[in-house]
C-alpha atoms as a PDB file:
ATOM      1  CA  MET A   1      -5.433  -1.498 -12.122  1.00  0.00           C
ATOM      2  CA  VAL A   2      -5.257   2.001 -10.559  1.00  0.00           C
ATOM      3  CA  MET A   3      -2.599   3.068 -13.030  1.00  0.00           C
ATOM      4  CA  ASP A   4      -4.746   1.903 -15.953  1.00  0.00           C
ATOM      5  CA  ALA A   5      -7.889   3.600 -14.637  1.00  0.00           C
ATOM      6  CA  LEU A   6      -6.074   6.903 -14.163  1.00  0.00           C
ATOM      7  CA  SER A   7      -4.398   6.682 -17.574  1.00  0.00           C
ATOM      8  CA  GLU A   8      -7.800   6.279 -19.154  1.00  0.00           C
ATOM      9  CA  ARG A   9      -9.353   9.012 -17.038  1.00  0.00           C
ATOM     10  CA  LEU A  10      -6.600  11.613 -17.616  1.00  0.00           C
ATOM     11  CA  PHE A  11      -5.108  10.733 -21.001  1.00  0.00           C
ATOM     12  CA  ASP A  12      -7.802   8.630 -22.686  1.00  0.00           C
ATOM     13  CA  LYS A  13      -5.341   5.732 -22.854  1.00  0.00           C
ATOM     14  CA  THR A  14      -6.161   2.214 -21.671  1.00  0.00           C
ATOM     15  CA  PHE A  15      -2.755   1.951 -19.967  1.00  0.00           C
ATOM     16  CA  ASP A  16       0.557   3.764 -19.586  1.00  0.00           C
ATOM     17  CA  SER A  17       2.343   2.286 -22.597  1.00  0.00           C
ATOM     18  CA  GLY A  18       6.039   1.886 -21.903  1.00  0.00           C
ATOM     19  CA  GLY A  19       5.666   3.804 -18.632  1.00  0.00           C
ATOM     20  CA  ARG A  20       6.100   7.036 -20.595  1.00  0.00           C
ATOM     21  CA  LEU A  21       3.454   8.985 -18.687  1.00  0.00           C
ATOM     22  CA  ALA A  22       4.904   8.109 -15.270  1.00  0.00           C
ATOM     23  CA  ALA A  23       8.426   8.841 -16.477  1.00  0.00           C
ATOM     24  CA  ARG A  24       7.455  12.468 -17.142  1.00  0.00           C
ATOM     25  CA  GLY A  25       5.934  12.983 -13.695  1.00  0.00           C
ATOM     26  CA  ARG A  26       7.050  13.617 -10.131  1.00  0.00           C
ATOM     27  CA  VAL A  27       5.941  11.396  -7.245  1.00  0.00           C
ATOM     28  CA  LEU A  28       3.701  13.067  -4.647  1.00  0.00           C
ATOM     29  CA  GLU A  29       5.251  11.498  -1.549  1.00  0.00           C
ATOM     30  CA  ALA A  30       2.538  12.603   0.897  1.00  0.00           C
ATOM     31  CA  VAL A  31      -0.150  10.952  -1.237  1.00  0.00           C
ATOM     32  CA  VAL A  32       1.767   7.679  -1.430  1.00  0.00           C
ATOM     33  CA  GLU A  33       2.323   7.579   2.339  1.00  0.00           C
ATOM     34  CA  GLU A  34      -1.333   8.349   3.047  1.00  0.00           C
ATOM     35  CA  PHE A  35      -2.682   5.544   0.887  1.00  0.00           C
ATOM     36  CA  LEU A  36      -0.072   3.033   2.078  1.00  0.00           C
ATOM     37  CA  SER A  37      -1.435   3.506   5.611  1.00  0.00           C
ATOM     38  CA  GLY A  38      -4.780   2.086   4.475  1.00  0.00           C
ATOM     39  CA  THR A  39      -6.287  -1.083   5.919  1.00  0.00           C
ATOM     40  CA  PHE A  40      -5.735  -3.257   2.851  1.00  0.00           C
ATOM     41  CA  PHE A  41      -1.967  -2.814   2.839  1.00  0.00           C
ATOM     42  CA  ARG A  42      -1.715  -3.710   6.556  1.00  0.00           C
ATOM     43  CA  ARG A  43      -3.920  -6.797   6.208  1.00  0.00           C
ATOM     44  CA  ARG A  44      -2.084 -10.116   6.276  1.00  0.00           C
ATOM     45  CA  PRO A  45      -2.199 -12.498   3.291  1.00  0.00           C
ATOM     46  CA  PRO A  46      -4.015 -14.239   1.754  1.00  0.00           C
ATOM     47  CA  LYS A  47      -5.688 -11.287   0.027  1.00  0.00           C
ATOM     48  CA  THR A  48      -6.291 -10.061  -3.492  1.00  0.00           C
ATOM     49  CA  ALA A  49      -6.205  -6.595  -5.030  1.00  0.00           C
ATOM     50  CA  GLY A  50      -9.517  -6.820  -6.886  1.00  0.00           C
ATOM     51  CA  ARG A  51     -11.698  -4.110  -8.366  1.00  0.00           C
ATOM     52  CA  GLU A  52     -13.798  -4.068  -5.207  1.00  0.00           C
ATOM     53  CA  GLU A  53     -10.734  -2.514  -3.517  1.00  0.00           C
ATOM     54  CA  PHE A  54      -8.957  -0.694  -6.334  1.00  0.00           C
ATOM     55  CA  GLY A  55     -11.563  -0.042  -9.004  1.00  0.00           C
ATOM     56  CA  ARG A  56     -12.831   3.242 -10.410  1.00  0.00           C
ATOM     57  CA  GLU A  57     -14.090   4.467  -7.025  1.00  0.00           C
ATOM     58  CA  PHE A  58     -10.591   4.170  -5.584  1.00  0.00           C
ATOM     59  CA  ALA A  59      -9.115   5.843  -8.678  1.00  0.00           C
ATOM     60  CA  GLU A  60     -11.466   8.820  -8.245  1.00  0.00           C
ATOM     61  CA  LYS A  61     -10.557   9.109  -4.575  1.00  0.00           C
ATOM     62  CA  PHE A  62      -6.875   8.944  -5.485  1.00  0.00           C
ATOM     63  CA  LEU A  63      -7.298  11.614  -8.149  1.00  0.00           C
ATOM     64  CA  ALA A  64      -9.142  13.903  -5.741  1.00  0.00           C
ATOM     65  CA  ARG A  65      -6.351  13.544  -3.175  1.00  0.00           C
ATOM     66  CA  CYS A  66      -3.777  14.571  -5.793  1.00  0.00           C
ATOM     67  CA  GLY A  67      -5.656  17.858  -6.154  1.00  0.00           C
ATOM     68  CA  LYS A  68      -4.367  20.181  -8.857  1.00  0.00           C
ATOM     69  CA  ALA A  69      -1.175  18.237  -9.485  1.00  0.00           C
ATOM     70  CA  ASP A  70       0.064  17.780 -13.026  1.00  0.00           C
ATOM     71  CA  LYS A  71      -1.537  14.791 -14.751  1.00  0.00           C
ATOM     72  CA  HIS A  72       1.828  13.123 -15.236  1.00  0.00           C
ATOM     73  CA  ASP A  73       2.532  13.522 -11.501  1.00  0.00           C
ATOM     74  CA  VAL A  74      -0.701  11.644 -10.759  1.00  0.00           C
ATOM     75  CA  ILE A  75       0.382   8.693 -12.920  1.00  0.00           C
ATOM     76  CA  ALA A  76       3.879   8.736 -11.415  1.00  0.00           C
ATOM     77  CA  THR A  77       2.376   8.721  -7.920  1.00  0.00           C
ATOM     78  CA  ALA A  78       0.060   5.803  -8.701  1.00  0.00           C
ATOM     79  CA  THR A  79       3.041   3.914 -10.135  1.00  0.00           C
ATOM     80  CA  ALA A  80       5.066   4.587  -6.975  1.00  0.00           C
ATOM     81  CA  LEU A  81       2.149   3.386  -4.842  1.00  0.00           C
ATOM     82  CA  THR A  82       2.188   0.082  -6.721  1.00  0.00           C
ATOM     83  CA  ALA A  83       5.952  -0.421  -6.339  1.00  0.00           C
ATOM     84  CA  ARG A  84       6.083   0.545  -2.669  1.00  0.00           C
ATOM     85  CA  SER A  85       3.063  -1.535  -1.718  1.00  0.00           C
ATOM     86  CA  ILE A  86       4.864  -4.598  -3.110  1.00  0.00           C
ATOM     87  CA  ALA A  87       8.070  -3.808  -1.216  1.00  0.00           C
ATOM     88  CA  GLY A  88       6.060  -3.007   1.912  1.00  0.00           C
ATOM     89  CA  ALA A  89       4.341  -6.394   1.801  1.00  0.00           C
ATOM     90  CA  ILE A  90       7.725  -8.107   1.561  1.00  0.00           C
ATOM     91  CA  ARG A  91       8.982  -6.205   4.611  1.00  0.00           C
ATOM     92  CA  ARG A  92       5.870  -6.936   6.650  1.00  0.00           C
ATOM     93  CA  PHE A  93       5.016 -10.507   5.774  1.00  0.00           C
ATOM     94  CA  LEU A  94       8.157 -12.361   4.642  1.00  0.00           C
ATOM     95  CA  PRO A  95      11.055 -13.526   6.827  1.00  0.00           C
ATOM     96  CA  VAL A  96      13.999 -11.150   6.514  1.00  0.00           C
ATOM     97  CA  GLY A  97      16.717 -12.425   4.176  1.00  0.00           C
ATOM     98  CA  GLU A  98      14.934 -15.639   3.176  1.00  0.00           C
ATOM     99  CA  PHE A  99      14.369 -14.636  -0.459  1.00  0.00           C
ATOM    100  CA  GLN A 100      16.989 -13.252  -2.827  1.00  0.00           C
ATOM    101  CA  GLU A 101      14.934 -12.468  -5.928  1.00  0.00           C
ATOM    102  CA  MET A 102      11.468 -11.526  -7.145  1.00  0.00           C
ATOM    103  CA  ILE A 103      10.024 -12.711 -10.455  1.00  0.00           C
ATOM    104  CA  VAL A 104       7.623 -10.306 -12.170  1.00  0.00           C
ATOM    105  CA  ALA A 105       5.015 -11.271 -14.754  1.00  0.00           C
ATOM    106  CA  GLY A 106       1.947  -9.652 -16.284  1.00  0.00           C
ATOM    107  CA  GLY A 107       1.520  -6.239 -17.840  1.00  0.00           C
ATOM    108  CA  GLY A 108       3.613  -4.456 -15.232  1.00  0.00           C
ATOM    109  CA  ALA A 109       6.738  -6.223 -16.500  1.00  0.00           C
ATOM    110  CA  SER A 110       6.428  -4.136 -19.696  1.00  0.00           C
ATOM    111  CA  ASN A 111       6.358  -0.825 -17.792  1.00  0.00           C
ATOM    112  CA  PRO A 112       9.968   0.443 -17.444  1.00  0.00           C
ATOM    113  CA  ALA A 113       8.964   3.194 -14.994  1.00  0.00           C
ATOM    114  CA  LEU A 114       7.288   0.710 -12.655  1.00  0.00           C
ATOM    115  CA  MET A 115      10.148  -1.767 -12.959  1.00  0.00           C
ATOM    116  CA  ALA A 116      12.721   0.931 -12.179  1.00  0.00           C
ATOM    117  CA  MET A 117      10.822   1.996  -9.044  1.00  0.00           C
ATOM    118  CA  LEU A 118      10.393  -1.604  -7.927  1.00  0.00           C
ATOM    119  CA  ARG A 119      14.066  -2.340  -8.578  1.00  0.00           C
ATOM    120  CA  ARG A 120      15.071   0.561  -6.304  1.00  0.00           C
ATOM    121  CA  GLU A 121      12.773  -0.659  -3.544  1.00  0.00           C
ATOM    122  CA  LEU A 122      14.054  -4.242  -3.754  1.00  0.00           C
ATOM    123  CA  LYS A 123      17.675  -3.106  -3.712  1.00  0.00           C
ATOM    124  CA  GLU A 124      17.152  -1.952  -0.121  1.00  0.00           C
ATOM    125  CA  LEU A 125      15.927  -5.478   0.651  1.00  0.00           C
ATOM    126  CA  GLU A 126      18.942  -7.010  -1.106  1.00  0.00           C
ATOM    127  CA  MET A 127      16.653  -8.709  -3.630  1.00  0.00           C
ATOM    128  CA  LYS A 128      17.162  -9.030  -7.374  1.00  0.00           C
ATOM    129  CA  LEU A 129      14.322  -8.263  -9.804  1.00  0.00           C
ATOM    130  CA  ARG A 130      13.728 -10.630 -12.709  1.00  0.00           C
ATOM    131  CA  THR A 131      10.933 -11.209 -15.220  1.00  0.00           C
ATOM    132  CA  SER A 132       9.300 -14.546 -15.989  1.00  0.00           C
ATOM    133  CA  ASP A 133      10.504 -14.151 -19.575  1.00  0.00           C
ATOM    134  CA  GLU A 134      14.025 -14.822 -18.314  1.00  0.00           C
ATOM    135  CA  LEU A 135      12.820 -18.202 -17.046  1.00  0.00           C
ATOM    136  CA  GLY A 136      10.941 -19.231 -20.185  1.00  0.00           C
ATOM    137  CA  LEU A 137       7.401 -18.102 -19.300  1.00  0.00           C
ATOM    138  CA  PRO A 138       6.170 -15.077 -21.304  1.00  0.00           C
ATOM    139  CA  ALA A 139       5.085 -12.321 -18.925  1.00  0.00           C
ATOM    140  CA  ALA A 140       1.856 -11.887 -20.892  1.00  0.00           C
ATOM    141  CA  ALA A 141       0.960 -15.548 -20.265  1.00  0.00           C
ATOM    142  CA  LYS A 142       0.940 -15.251 -16.459  1.00  0.00           C
ATOM    143  CA  GLU A 143      -2.809 -15.433 -15.874  1.00  0.00           C
ATOM    144  CA  ALA A 144      -3.387 -18.188 -18.424  1.00  0.00           C
ATOM    145  CA  ALA A 145      -0.619 -20.307 -16.903  1.00  0.00           C
ATOM    146  CA  ALA A 146      -1.811 -19.637 -13.346  1.00  0.00           C
ATOM    147  CA  PHE A 147      -5.409 -20.624 -14.068  1.00  0.00           C
ATOM    148  CA  ALA A 148      -4.252 -23.736 -15.909  1.00  0.00           C
ATOM    149  CA  LEU A 149      -2.135 -24.759 -12.904  1.00  0.00           C
ATOM    150  CA  LEU A 150      -4.971 -24.103 -10.434  1.00  0.00           C
ATOM    151  CA  ALA A 151      -7.379 -26.110 -12.584  1.00  0.00           C
ATOM    152  CA  TYR A 152      -4.931 -28.999 -12.872  1.00  0.00           C
ATOM    153  CA  GLU A 153      -4.296 -29.143  -9.121  1.00  0.00           C
ATOM    154  CA  THR A 154      -7.977 -28.806  -8.218  1.00  0.00           C
ATOM    155  CA  TRP A 155      -8.973 -31.497 -10.708  1.00  0.00           C
ATOM    156  CA  GLY A 156      -6.375 -33.737  -9.107  1.00  0.00           C
ATOM    157  CA  GLY A 157      -7.905 -33.158  -5.654  1.00  0.00           C
ATOM    158  CA  ARG A 158      -4.952 -31.163  -4.334  1.00  0.00           C
ATOM    159  CA  PRO A 159      -6.260 -27.830  -2.986  1.00  0.00           C
ATOM    160  CA  SER A 160      -3.440 -25.423  -2.135  1.00  0.00           C
ATOM    161  CA  TRP A 161      -4.507 -24.776   1.455  1.00  0.00           C
ATOM    162  CA  GLU A 162      -3.878 -28.441   2.311  1.00  0.00           C
ATOM    163  CA  ARG A 163      -0.402 -28.536   0.755  1.00  0.00           C
ATOM    164  CA  TYR A 164       0.795 -25.203   2.123  1.00  0.00           C
ATOM    165  CA  PRO A 165      -0.681 -24.640   5.589  1.00  0.00           C
ATOM    166  CA  MET A 166       0.113 -21.303   7.241  1.00  0.00           C
ATOM    167  CA  PRO A 167       2.542 -21.497  10.184  1.00  0.00           C
ATOM    168  CA  GLU A 168       0.946 -21.290  13.610  1.00  0.00           C
ATOM    169  CA  LYS A 169       0.911 -17.864  15.227  1.00  0.00           C
ATOM    170  CA  LYS A 170       2.964 -17.594  18.384  1.00  0.00           C
ATOM    171  CA  THR A 171       3.079 -15.015  21.132  1.00  0.00           C
ATOM    172  CA  TYR A 172       6.432 -13.263  21.489  1.00  0.00           C
ATOM    173  CA  VAL A 173       8.081 -10.649  23.663  1.00  0.00           C
ATOM    174  CA  ALA A 174      10.541  -8.192  22.103  1.00  0.00           C
ATOM    175  CA  LEU A 175      12.954  -6.458  24.490  1.00  0.00           C
ATOM    176  CA  LEU A 176      14.619  -3.281  23.201  1.00  0.00           C
ATOM    177  CA  ARG A 177      18.055  -2.464  24.534  1.00  0.00           C
ATOM    178  CA  GLY A 178      18.969   0.993  25.781  1.00  0.00           C
ATOM    179  CA  ILE A 179      16.077   3.256  24.792  1.00  0.00           C
ATOM    180  CA  ASN A 180      14.555   6.111  26.811  1.00  0.00           C
ATOM    181  CA  VAL A 181      17.513   6.181  29.201  1.00  0.00           C
ATOM    182  CA  GLY A 182      18.509   9.600  30.532  1.00  0.00           C
ATOM    183  CA  GLY A 183      16.588  11.386  27.805  1.00  0.00           C
ATOM    184  CA  ASN A 184      18.567   9.686  25.038  1.00  0.00           C
ATOM    185  CA  ARG A 185      17.399   7.486  22.143  1.00  0.00           C
ATOM    186  CA  ARG A 186      13.788   8.438  22.752  1.00  0.00           C
ATOM    187  CA  VAL A 187      11.059   6.163  21.405  1.00  0.00           C
ATOM    188  CA  ALA A 188       7.399   6.794  22.236  1.00  0.00           C
ATOM    189  CA  MET A 189       5.499   3.590  22.908  1.00  0.00           C
ATOM    190  CA  ALA A 190       2.655   4.687  20.630  1.00  0.00           C
ATOM    191  CA  ASP A 191       5.190   5.037  17.812  1.00  0.00           C
ATOM    192  CA  LEU A 192       6.718   1.660  18.645  1.00  0.00           C
ATOM    193  CA  ARG A 193       3.305  -0.028  18.462  1.00  0.00           C
ATOM    194  CA  GLY A 194       2.617   1.650  15.136  1.00  0.00           C
ATOM    195  CA  TRP A 195       5.961   0.552  13.677  1.00  0.00           C
ATOM    196  CA  ALA A 196       5.359  -3.006  14.859  1.00  0.00           C
ATOM    197  CA  GLU A 197       1.971  -3.100  13.161  1.00  0.00           C
ATOM    198  CA  GLU A 198       3.466  -1.665   9.962  1.00  0.00           C
ATOM    199  CA  ILE A 199       5.784  -4.681   9.667  1.00  0.00           C
ATOM    200  CA  GLY A 200       2.930  -7.126  10.163  1.00  0.00           C
ATOM    201  CA  LEU A 201       3.045  -7.905  13.893  1.00  0.00           C
ATOM    202  CA  GLN A 202      -0.405  -8.530  15.360  1.00  0.00           C
ATOM    203  CA  GLN A 203      -2.168  -7.853  18.675  1.00  0.00           C
ATOM    204  CA  VAL A 204       0.687  -5.528  19.611  1.00  0.00           C
ATOM    205  CA  ARG A 205       0.920  -4.233  23.172  1.00  0.00           C
ATOM    206  CA  THR A 206       3.665  -2.381  25.033  1.00  0.00           C
ATOM    207  CA  TYR A 207       4.657  -2.288  28.697  1.00  0.00           C
ATOM    208  CA  VAL A 208       6.312   0.732  30.381  1.00  0.00           C
ATOM    209  CA  GLN A 209       8.866   2.946  28.624  1.00  0.00           C
ATOM    210  CA  SER A 210      11.918   0.674  28.615  1.00  0.00           C
ATOM    211  CA  GLY A 211      10.829  -0.879  25.328  1.00  0.00           C
ATOM    212  CA  ASN A 212       8.829  -4.076  25.777  1.00  0.00           C
ATOM    213  CA  LEU A 213       6.545  -5.421  23.060  1.00  0.00           C
ATOM    214  CA  VAL A 214       4.118  -8.332  23.300  1.00  0.00           C
ATOM    215  CA  PHE A 215       2.678  -9.499  19.985  1.00  0.00           C
ATOM    216  CA  LYS A 216       1.730 -12.425  17.766  1.00  0.00           C
ATOM    217  CA  SER A 217       3.540 -13.538  14.624  1.00  0.00           C
ATOM    218  CA  GLN A 218       4.060 -16.574  12.413  1.00  0.00           C
ATOM    219  CA  GLN A 219       7.736 -15.796  11.888  1.00  0.00           C
ATOM    220  CA  PRO A 220      10.695 -17.215  13.853  1.00  0.00           C
ATOM    221  CA  ALA A 221      12.343 -15.169  16.597  1.00  0.00           C
ATOM    222  CA  ALA A 222      15.598 -14.545  14.710  1.00  0.00           C
ATOM    223  CA  ALA A 223      13.762 -13.092  11.708  1.00  0.00           C
ATOM    224  CA  LEU A 224      11.599 -10.953  13.988  1.00  0.00           C
ATOM    225  CA  GLU A 225      14.642  -9.463  15.726  1.00  0.00           C
ATOM    226  CA  LYS A 226      16.140  -8.316  12.425  1.00  0.00           C
ATOM    227  CA  LYS A 227      12.786  -7.067  11.135  1.00  0.00           C
ATOM    228  CA  ILE A 228      12.094  -4.949  14.236  1.00  0.00           C
ATOM    229  CA  GLU A 229      15.665  -3.618  14.331  1.00  0.00           C
ATOM    230  CA  ARG A 230      15.480  -2.582  10.674  1.00  0.00           C
ATOM    231  CA  LYS A 231      12.142  -0.819  11.167  1.00  0.00           C
ATOM    232  CA  ILE A 232      13.358   1.125  14.212  1.00  0.00           C
ATOM    233  CA  ALA A 233      16.528   2.212  12.394  1.00  0.00           C
ATOM    234  CA  GLN A 234      14.428   3.387   9.461  1.00  0.00           C
ATOM    235  CA  ALA A 235      11.757   5.161  11.513  1.00  0.00           C
ATOM    236  CA  ALA A 236      13.726   6.474  14.512  1.00  0.00           C
ATOM    237  CA  GLY A 237      17.020   7.196  12.806  1.00  0.00           C
ATOM    238  CA  PHE A 238      19.204   5.184  15.190  1.00  0.00           C
ATOM    239  CA  GLU A 239      19.996   1.514  15.749  1.00  0.00           C
ATOM    240  CA  VAL A 240      18.529  -0.482  18.633  1.00  0.00           C
ATOM    241  CA  ARG A 241      19.383  -4.075  19.466  1.00  0.00           C
ATOM    242  CA  VAL A 242      16.282  -6.225  19.958  1.00  0.00           C
ATOM    243  CA  VAL A 243      16.048  -9.509  21.848  1.00  0.00           C
ATOM    244  CA  VAL A 244      12.992 -11.675  21.151  1.00  0.00           C
ATOM    245  CA  ARG A 245      11.702 -14.466  23.360  1.00  0.00           C
ATOM    246  CA  SER A 246       8.660 -16.680  22.862  1.00  0.00           C
ATOM    247  CA  ALA A 247       5.918 -16.765  25.481  1.00  0.00           C
ATOM    248  CA  LYS A 248       7.052 -20.295  26.327  1.00  0.00           C
ATOM    249  CA  GLU A 249      10.585 -19.051  26.988  1.00  0.00           C
ATOM    250  CA  ILE A 250       9.316 -16.228  29.201  1.00  0.00           C
ATOM    251  CA  ARG A 251       7.301 -18.721  31.237  1.00  0.00           C
ATOM    252  CA  GLU A 252      10.422 -20.855  31.610  1.00  0.00           C
ATOM    253  CA  VAL A 253      12.335 -17.823  32.935  1.00  0.00           C
ATOM    254  CA  MET A 254       9.610 -17.333  35.525  1.00  0.00           C
ATOM    255  CA  ARG A 255       9.760 -20.988  36.518  1.00  0.00           C
ATOM    256  CA  SER A 256      13.534 -21.354  36.677  1.00  0.00           C
ATOM    257  CA  ASN A 257      14.611 -18.236  38.622  1.00  0.00           C
ATOM    258  CA  PRO A 258      16.538 -19.798  41.529  1.00  0.00           C
ATOM    259  CA  PHE A 259      16.313 -16.740  43.791  1.00  0.00           C
ATOM    260  CA  VAL A 260      12.509 -16.731  43.935  1.00  0.00           C
ATOM    261  CA  LYS A 261      12.546 -20.022  45.824  1.00  0.00           C
ATOM    262  CA  ARG A 262      14.901 -18.728  48.495  1.00  0.00           C
ATOM    263  CA  SER A 263      13.273 -17.537  51.699  1.00  0.00           C
ATOM    264  CA  GLY A 264      13.739 -13.916  52.722  1.00  0.00           C
ATOM    265  CA  ILE A 265      14.430 -12.663  49.188  1.00  0.00           C
ATOM    266  CA  ASP A 266      13.240  -9.142  48.347  1.00  0.00           C
ATOM    267  CA  LEU A 267      11.650  -9.661  44.933  1.00  0.00           C
ATOM    268  CA  SER A 268      12.101  -5.989  44.073  1.00  0.00           C
ATOM    269  CA  LYS A 269      15.880  -6.589  44.026  1.00  0.00           C
ATOM    270  CA  LEU A 270      15.733  -9.256  41.312  1.00  0.00           C
ATOM    271  CA  GLN A 271      16.828  -8.657  37.723  1.00  0.00           C
ATOM    272  CA  VAL A 272      17.034 -10.854  34.640  1.00  0.00           C
ATOM    273  CA  THR A 273      19.558 -10.214  31.852  1.00  0.00           C
ATOM    274  CA  PHE A 274      18.465 -11.618  28.494  1.00  0.00           C
ATOM    275  CA  LEU A 275      21.319 -12.536  26.153  1.00  0.00           C
ATOM    276  CA  ALA A 276      20.876 -11.939  22.440  1.00  0.00           C
ATOM    277  CA  GLU A 277      22.891 -15.100  21.706  1.00  0.00           C
ATOM    278  CA  ALA A 278      23.157 -18.213  23.855  1.00  0.00           C
ATOM    279  CA  ALA A 279      26.385 -18.206  25.869  1.00  0.00           C
ATOM    280  CA  GLY A 280      28.851 -21.000  25.203  1.00  0.00           C
ATOM    281  CA  ALA A 281      30.818 -22.773  27.908  1.00  0.00           C
ATOM    282  CA  GLY A 282      33.678 -20.255  27.743  1.00  0.00           C
ATOM    283  CA  ALA A 283      31.382 -17.244  28.026  1.00  0.00           C
ATOM    284  CA  ARG A 284      29.471 -18.826  30.917  1.00  0.00           C
ATOM    285  CA  ALA A 285      32.748 -19.412  32.754  1.00  0.00           C
ATOM    286  CA  LYS A 286      33.690 -15.737  32.351  1.00  0.00           C
ATOM    287  CA  LEU A 287      30.254 -14.631  33.532  1.00  0.00           C
ATOM    288  CA  LYS A 288      30.414 -16.855  36.603  1.00  0.00           C
ATOM    289  CA  ALA A 289      33.871 -15.490  37.456  1.00  0.00           C
ATOM    290  CA  LEU A 290      32.738 -11.853  37.551  1.00  0.00           C
ATOM    291  CA  PRO A 291      33.105 -10.281  41.015  1.00  0.00           C
ATOM    292  CA  GLY A 292      29.675  -9.299  42.242  1.00  0.00           C
ATOM    293  CA  GLY A 293      30.545  -7.604  45.503  1.00  0.00           C
ATOM    294  CA  GLY A 294      27.429  -8.131  47.569  1.00  0.00           C
ATOM    295  CA  ASP A 295      25.391  -9.176  44.511  1.00  0.00           C
ATOM    296  CA  GLU A 296      24.710 -12.722  43.322  1.00  0.00           C
ATOM    297  CA  SER A 297      24.213 -14.158  39.867  1.00  0.00           C
ATOM    298  CA  LYS A 298      23.086 -17.464  38.402  1.00  0.00           C
ATOM    299  CA  VAL A 299      24.221 -17.931  34.818  1.00  0.00           C
ATOM    300  CA  GLY A 300      22.239 -19.907  32.261  1.00  0.00           C
ATOM    301  CA  GLU A 301      22.697 -20.328  28.521  1.00  0.00           C
ATOM    302  CA  SER A 302      20.383 -17.491  27.501  1.00  0.00           C
ATOM    303  CA  GLU A 303      19.585 -15.615  30.738  1.00  0.00           C
ATOM    304  CA  ILE A 304      21.432 -14.414  33.803  1.00  0.00           C
ATOM    305  CA  PHE A 305      19.467 -14.135  37.041  1.00  0.00           C
ATOM    306  CA  LEU A 306      20.636 -11.390  39.404  1.00  0.00           C
ATOM    307  CA  TYR A 307      19.978 -10.606  43.041  1.00  0.00           C
ATOM    308  CA  CYS A 308      21.159  -7.120  44.000  1.00  0.00           C
ATOM    309  CA  PRO A 309      20.311  -6.484  47.696  1.00  0.00           C
ATOM    310  CA  ASN A 310      21.570  -2.878  47.525  1.00  0.00           C
ATOM    311  CA  GLY A 311      19.794  -2.111  44.254  1.00  0.00           C
ATOM    312  CA  TYR A 312      20.720  -2.602  40.617  1.00  0.00           C
ATOM    313  CA  GLY A 313      21.885   1.000  40.288  1.00  0.00           C
ATOM    314  CA  SER A 314      24.930   0.334  42.494  1.00  0.00           C
ATOM    315  CA  SER A 315      25.604  -3.188  41.199  1.00  0.00           C
ATOM    316  CA  LYS A 316      28.890  -4.323  39.666  1.00  0.00           C
ATOM    317  CA  LEU A 317      26.911  -6.707  37.435  1.00  0.00           C
ATOM    318  CA  VAL A 318      25.314  -4.096  35.205  1.00  0.00           C
ATOM    319  CA  ASN A 319      24.322  -4.833  31.638  1.00  0.00           C
ATOM    320  CA  SER A 320      27.502  -3.503  29.976  1.00  0.00           C
ATOM    321  CA  VAL A 321      29.731  -5.646  32.215  1.00  0.00           C
ATOM    322  CA  LEU A 322      27.719  -8.766  31.442  1.00  0.00           C
ATOM    323  CA  GLU A 323      27.764  -8.006  27.706  1.00  0.00           C
ATOM    324  CA  LYS A 324      31.559  -7.737  27.716  1.00  0.00           C
ATOM    325  CA  ALA A 325      31.951 -11.067  29.484  1.00  0.00           C
ATOM    326  CA  ALA A 326      29.336 -12.798  27.308  1.00  0.00           C
ATOM    327  CA  GLY A 327      30.809 -11.380  24.114  1.00  0.00           C
ATOM    328  CA  GLY A 328      27.479 -10.181  22.774  1.00  0.00           C
ATOM    329  CA  ALA A 329      24.481  -7.942  23.280  1.00  0.00           C
ATOM    330  CA  ALA A 330      22.095  -8.249  26.229  1.00  0.00           C
ATOM    331  CA  THR A 331      19.293  -6.337  27.876  1.00  0.00           C
ATOM    332  CA  THR A 332      18.143  -6.399  31.506  1.00  0.00           C
ATOM    333  CA  ARG A 333      14.672  -6.226  33.051  1.00  0.00           C
ATOM    334  CA  ASN A 334      13.571  -6.147  36.681  1.00  0.00           C
ATOM    335  CA  TRP A 335      11.484  -8.998  38.067  1.00  0.00           C
ATOM    336  CA  ARG A 336       8.303  -6.930  38.145  1.00  0.00           C
ATOM    337  CA  THR A 337       8.588  -6.289  34.401  1.00  0.00           C
ATOM    338  CA  VAL A 338       9.250  -9.969  33.673  1.00  0.00           C
ATOM    339  CA  ASN A 339       6.136 -10.894  35.678  1.00  0.00           C
ATOM    340  CA  ALA A 340       4.047  -8.316  33.828  1.00  0.00           C
ATOM    341  CA  LEU A 341       5.259  -9.525  30.427  1.00  0.00           C
ATOM    342  CA  CYS A 342       4.495 -13.119  31.351  1.00  0.00           C
ATOM    343  CA  ALA A 343       0.964 -12.106  32.372  1.00  0.00           C
ATOM    344  CA  MET A 344       0.507 -10.276  29.067  1.00  0.00           C
ATOM    345  CA  CYS A 345       1.617 -13.412  27.220  1.00  0.00           C
ATOM    346  CA  GLU A 346      -0.950 -15.445  29.110  1.00  0.00           C
ATOM    347  CA  GLU A 347      -3.666 -12.984  28.125  1.00  0.00           C
ATOM    348  CA  ALA A 348      -2.580 -13.112  24.472  1.00  0.00           C
ATOM    349  CA  ASP A 349      -2.601 -16.926  24.442  1.00  0.00           C
END
């Protein structure tokens, strides 16, 4: 829609036939990034890119932002905006790794420049690009076929929102491992909130600088871990392991800590280590056999409760030791942080 409007405005052509105009231009990266930060692209589905959003008024605004750029650069930039908005929606709103291919139909399937850009974007997502023609439906027949299907289903009393209900939103906590420690692997919490919102997480809040996110999502925890890890690697330039727990699981941690019930316990000396993967019987046996010195531990399948009377800083049961015994990644939080995160979950629910 934007590409067509700009082609008509700049070249007196109803559309960019064969993608030839875009192919001769250079993408204005700053313009693409600016428009991708707009409200529409962050909004969760269902939504539609109608003329009320991307009509002539938007095209004029887009053209003004491109300034004195070459006309072909403007078309190339609008084409890139289209391709990257599609890939961005996949990153934000679809479970990571669940889909292996995208099927394209409509006029865009006949634009080699657009298809090449989209193919590059999808390659990063390990998705294959195909056209509906390959599957027996002419790309030009997309709208006719879609309206026929909608009419058939509606006439049969089968509205789509009853057959395909949206998953229920849940409150989650994401725990980042090993950031902002000793001046290394720095991540500002404002940046972290922004990155989380960019991948579609909602009602995002952070707690202290150790990397704790509370948010809502319709996706499962495993998909969220990979999605957050990928975004941090892309935005921060280094990898961070992320452990996600549901609000229900955090409440269970609060309820099941055995040390809290013991009289005379200093709550400020309590820690909880969250395992990225549930520990099997062999790993639990190794964890239980670790010498704690004056420290105590209670090992569960997914968490390890610690009581360190002399402080966690001098403990023999630090995170790296527990990871080695468990055979996988883990991250540790003090009891005050766990309490705060549980309270934030309650507020979100």
